[in-house]
Amino acid sequence: MSDHDKHAENGDGEPVVVRDRRRIDPDTGEVRSPSDVESDGGAAPAEPAGDPRVDALTAEVAERTADLQRVSAEYANYRRRVDRDRESVLVGARVSFVSELLTVLDDLDRAESHGDLTGAFKAVADKVTSVVQKLGLESFGLEGEPFDPSVHEAVQHDTSEASGSTVAVLSAVLRRGYRIGDRVLRPAMVTVVDRADAPGYEDAPADATEA
């Protein structure tokens, strides 16, 4: 026991040790050596080592979180593919059905041009036209618009005597073109002629003069 320890007795007669842990000796004023100051555990405790179970649980949570994020991304991609495929199937079905009616629409156009589309016949024609329009069918090809070889099929090309920059425009539409969305079901059959005064000819395609 250190010389600096004080002894006392408790009520049961057992000695009680009171240790003097002052770094400065109160009698001499000198600094005590570490061996003179006994530690009773009052020093700052060392940080406890990491619990391996906590570390394992943390790693497992991180792994499960990464798995969940990966599954969520895969599911989102799957939904997009399904939606895209479903839309493609629907458009394909509409295209297949409407394509069978194009010849009927041609007959209706010819009847209208000859003035035969009247009475009950016209009522039926209007219903057919309404049905195909609801399915997304659009017609294109108007006289005077610039010739576009991607959607127009030229069967005749007349060259005008106009000087300067010219553009080929539709001079006549022999058969309408049809499309659904960005899918062309049939190009318009047309005749074209070179014109310098065609509206918008400055923006026409470079190959617009080619039949």
Protein backbone atom coordinates (compact mmCIF):
# COMPACT_ATOMS: atom_id res chain seq x y z
CA MET A 1 0.00 0.00 0.00
CA SER A 2 1.29 3.50 -0.88
CA ASP A 3 2.53 5.85 1.82
CA HIS A 4 -0.10 8.27 0.59
CA ASP A 5 -2.94 5.86 1.38
CA LYS A 6 -5.04 6.66 4.41
CA HIS A 7 -6.54 3.95 6.57
CA ALA A 8 -9.84 4.03 8.34
CA GLU A 9 -12.27 1.53 9.70
CA ASN A 10 -15.88 1.16 8.75
CA GLY A 11 -18.59 0.23 11.17
CA ASP A 12 -17.74 -3.47 10.86
CA GLY A 13 -14.13 -2.90 11.81
CA GLU A 14 -12.82 -3.56 8.28
CA PRO A 15 -10.13 -1.20 7.07
CA VAL A 16 -11.13 1.30 4.39
CA VAL A 17 -8.37 2.57 2.16
CA VAL A 18 -8.54 6.13 0.87
CA ARG A 19 -5.92 6.75 -1.80
CA ASP A 20 -4.38 10.17 -2.30
CA ARG A 21 -4.21 10.63 -6.08
CA ARG A 22 -2.96 14.20 -6.14
CA ARG A 23 -0.11 14.72 -8.61
CA ILE A 24 1.47 17.37 -6.43
CA ASP A 25 2.67 16.32 -2.99
CA PRO A 26 0.90 18.69 -0.57
CA ASP A 27 3.77 18.47 1.90
CA THR A 28 6.81 18.94 -0.36
CA GLY A 29 5.17 20.65 -3.38
CA GLU A 30 6.97 18.24 -5.67
CA VAL A 31 5.44 16.38 -8.57
CA ARG A 32 4.85 12.79 -7.79
CA SER A 33 6.03 10.04 -10.09
CA PRO A 34 3.42 7.83 -11.79
CA SER A 35 4.37 4.99 -9.48
CA ASP A 36 3.35 7.11 -6.51
CA VAL A 37 -0.14 7.60 -7.90
CA GLU A 38 -2.06 4.33 -8.06
CA SER A 39 -4.86 4.08 -10.57
CA ASP A 40 -8.24 2.76 -9.48
CA GLY A 41 -9.76 2.72 -12.93
CA GLY A 42 -10.54 6.45 -12.96
CA ALA A 43 -8.55 7.02 -16.16
CA ALA A 44 -10.45 7.45 -19.43
CA PRO A 45 -11.55 3.97 -20.48
CA ALA A 46 -10.36 2.63 -23.77
CA GLU A 47 -12.93 2.70 -26.54
CA PRO A 48 -14.69 -0.64 -26.74
CA ALA A 49 -13.87 -2.78 -29.71
CA GLY A 50 -16.53 -2.99 -32.46
CA ASP A 51 -19.14 -5.64 -31.94
CA PRO A 52 -18.72 -8.20 -34.76
CA ARG A 53 -22.47 -8.88 -34.73
CA VAL A 54 -23.24 -5.20 -35.36
CA ASP A 55 -20.67 -5.10 -38.17
CA ALA A 56 -22.21 -8.20 -39.74
CA LEU A 57 -25.73 -6.76 -39.51
CA THR A 58 -24.57 -3.45 -41.03
CA ALA A 59 -22.96 -5.26 -43.96
CA GLU A 60 -26.08 -7.38 -44.46
CA VAL A 61 -28.34 -4.30 -44.48
CA ALA A 62 -26.10 -2.62 -47.07
CA GLU A 63 -26.18 -5.76 -49.21
CA ARG A 64 -29.98 -6.07 -48.99
CA THR A 65 -30.37 -2.38 -49.84
CA ALA A 66 -28.21 -2.81 -52.94
CA ASP A 67 -30.24 -5.89 -53.94
CA LEU A 68 -33.50 -3.95 -53.52
CA GLN A 69 -32.24 -1.06 -55.63
CA ARG A 70 -31.11 -3.47 -58.35
CA VAL A 71 -34.45 -5.31 -58.36
CA SER A 72 -36.34 -1.99 -58.48
CA ALA A 73 -34.30 -0.85 -61.49
CA GLU A 74 -34.82 -4.18 -63.26
CA TYR A 75 -38.57 -4.02 -62.61
CA ALA A 76 -38.78 -0.46 -63.95
CA ASN A 77 -36.95 -1.55 -67.13
CA TYR A 78 -39.27 -4.54 -67.42
CA ARG A 79 -42.37 -2.34 -67.14
CA ARG A 80 -41.03 -0.03 -69.83
CA ARG A 81 -40.36 -2.97 -72.16
CA VAL A 82 -43.83 -4.42 -71.51
CA ASP A 83 -45.51 -1.07 -72.16
CA ARG A 84 -43.47 -0.57 -75.33
CA ASP A 85 -44.23 -4.08 -76.58
CA ARG A 86 -47.93 -3.70 -75.76
CA GLU A 87 -48.11 -0.44 -77.69
CA SER A 88 -46.27 -2.01 -80.60
CA VAL A 89 -48.74 -4.91 -80.67
CA LEU A 90 -51.71 -2.53 -80.59
CA VAL A 91 -50.31 -0.40 -83.40
CA GLY A 92 -49.56 -3.55 -85.40
CA ALA A 93 -53.14 -4.75 -84.95
CA ARG A 94 -54.54 -1.39 -86.05
CA VAL A 95 -52.23 -1.30 -89.06
CA SER A 96 -53.22 -4.83 -90.08
CA PHE A 97 -56.95 -4.08 -89.80
CA VAL A 98 -56.90 -0.68 -91.49
CA SER A 99 -54.64 -1.87 -94.32
CA GLU A 100 -57.45 -4.20 -95.41
CA LEU A 101 -59.75 -1.20 -95.74
CA LEU A 102 -57.51 0.99 -97.89
CA THR A 103 -59.04 -0.27 -101.13
CA VAL A 104 -62.50 0.46 -99.70
CA LEU A 105 -61.37 4.00 -98.88
CA ASP A 106 -60.06 4.35 -102.45
CA ASP A 107 -63.47 3.36 -103.79
CA LEU A 108 -65.11 5.92 -101.53
CA ASP A 109 -62.75 8.63 -102.79
CA ARG A 110 -63.52 7.79 -106.42
CA ALA A 111 -67.24 7.76 -105.73
CA GLU A 112 -66.97 11.17 -104.06
CA SER A 113 -64.97 12.61 -106.96
CA HIS A 114 -67.68 11.44 -109.38
CA GLY A 115 -70.48 12.80 -107.23
CA ASP A 116 -71.88 9.37 -106.41
CA LEU A 117 -71.34 9.60 -102.66
CA THR A 118 -74.85 10.59 -101.64
CA GLY A 119 -77.72 9.43 -99.49
CA ALA A 120 -77.40 6.20 -97.52
CA PHE A 121 -74.14 5.40 -99.32
CA LYS A 122 -72.61 8.60 -97.95
CA ALA A 123 -73.84 7.81 -94.43
CA VAL A 124 -72.09 4.42 -94.54
CA ALA A 125 -68.95 6.01 -95.98
CA ASP A 126 -68.88 8.58 -93.17
CA LYS A 127 -69.14 5.81 -90.56
CA VAL A 128 -66.27 3.87 -92.14
CA THR A 129 -64.15 7.01 -92.27
CA SER A 130 -64.95 7.78 -88.63
CA VAL A 131 -63.92 4.29 -87.52
CA VAL A 132 -60.53 4.36 -89.26
CA GLN A 133 -59.83 7.87 -88.00
CA LYS A 134 -60.46 6.73 -84.43
CA LEU A 135 -57.87 4.01 -85.04
CA GLY A 136 -55.35 6.73 -85.88
CA LEU A 137 -55.44 6.60 -89.68
CA GLU A 138 -54.38 9.81 -91.43
CA SER A 139 -54.34 10.58 -95.13
CA PHE A 140 -51.69 12.75 -96.77
CA GLY A 141 -50.86 14.12 -100.19
CA LEU A 142 -52.28 17.45 -101.35
CA GLU A 143 -51.75 19.27 -104.63
CA GLY A 144 -49.16 22.05 -104.35
CA GLU A 145 -47.18 20.65 -101.40
CA PRO A 146 -43.46 19.87 -101.88
CA PHE A 147 -42.59 16.42 -103.18
CA ASP A 148 -41.11 14.13 -100.51
CA PRO A 149 -39.81 10.81 -101.90
CA SER A 150 -40.12 9.19 -98.45
CA VAL A 151 -43.93 9.46 -98.53
CA HIS A 152 -44.73 10.21 -102.18
CA GLU A 153 -44.49 7.88 -105.15
CA ALA A 154 -44.03 9.95 -108.31
CA VAL A 155 -45.32 8.36 -111.51
CA GLN A 156 -44.74 11.43 -113.67
CA HIS A 157 -42.40 14.40 -113.45
CA ASP A 158 -42.92 17.50 -115.56
CA THR A 159 -40.25 20.20 -115.81
CA SER A 160 -41.42 23.79 -116.03
CA GLU A 161 -39.67 26.56 -117.91
CA ALA A 162 -39.25 28.68 -114.78
CA SER A 163 -35.74 29.95 -114.28
CA GLY A 164 -33.85 30.09 -111.01
CA SER A 165 -34.25 27.82 -108.02
CA THR A 166 -37.18 25.43 -108.34
CA VAL A 167 -38.73 22.67 -106.31
CA ALA A 168 -40.83 19.70 -107.35
CA VAL A 169 -44.37 19.95 -106.03
CA LEU A 170 -47.37 17.70 -106.33
CA SER A 171 -49.34 18.62 -109.43
CA ALA A 172 -51.90 15.85 -108.96
CA VAL A 173 -52.69 13.16 -106.40
CA LEU A 174 -53.69 9.94 -108.13
CA ARG A 175 -54.05 7.95 -104.91
CA ARG A 176 -53.97 9.13 -101.31
CA GLY A 177 -51.26 8.08 -98.94
CA TYR A 178 -52.05 6.80 -95.47
CA ARG A 179 -50.19 6.47 -92.19
CA ILE A 180 -50.79 5.64 -88.54
CA GLY A 181 -48.53 7.64 -86.27
CA ASP A 182 -45.05 7.55 -87.81
CA ARG A 183 -45.74 4.33 -89.72
CA VAL A 184 -46.52 4.84 -93.41
CA LEU A 185 -49.07 2.29 -94.59
CA ARG A 186 -48.93 3.40 -98.20
CA PRO A 187 -47.18 6.26 -100.02
CA ALA A 188 -49.25 8.69 -102.02
CA MET A 189 -49.16 8.13 -105.77
CA VAL A 190 -48.61 11.53 -107.40
CA THR A 191 -47.41 13.49 -110.37
CA VAL A 192 -44.95 16.30 -109.78
CA VAL A 193 -43.88 19.48 -111.52
CA ASP A 194 -41.03 21.92 -110.96
CA ARG A 195 -42.14 25.30 -109.63
CA ALA A 196 -40.13 28.30 -108.51
CA ASP A 197 -43.03 29.97 -106.73
CA ALA A 198 -44.03 26.99 -104.58
CA PRO A 199 -44.53 28.03 -100.93
CA GLY A 200 -41.76 26.73 -98.74
CA TYR A 201 -39.59 25.54 -101.61
CA GLU A 202 -36.52 26.99 -99.87
CA ASP A 203 -36.96 24.33 -97.15
CA ALA A 204 -37.63 21.44 -99.50
CA PRO A 205 -35.32 18.36 -99.38
CA ALA A 206 -32.22 18.47 -101.55
CA ASP A 207 -33.49 15.50 -103.57
CA ALA A 208 -36.98 16.97 -104.01
CA THR A 209 -36.40 17.52 -107.76
CA GLU A 210 -35.75 13.83 -108.30
CA ALA A 211 -38.73 11.72 -109.32
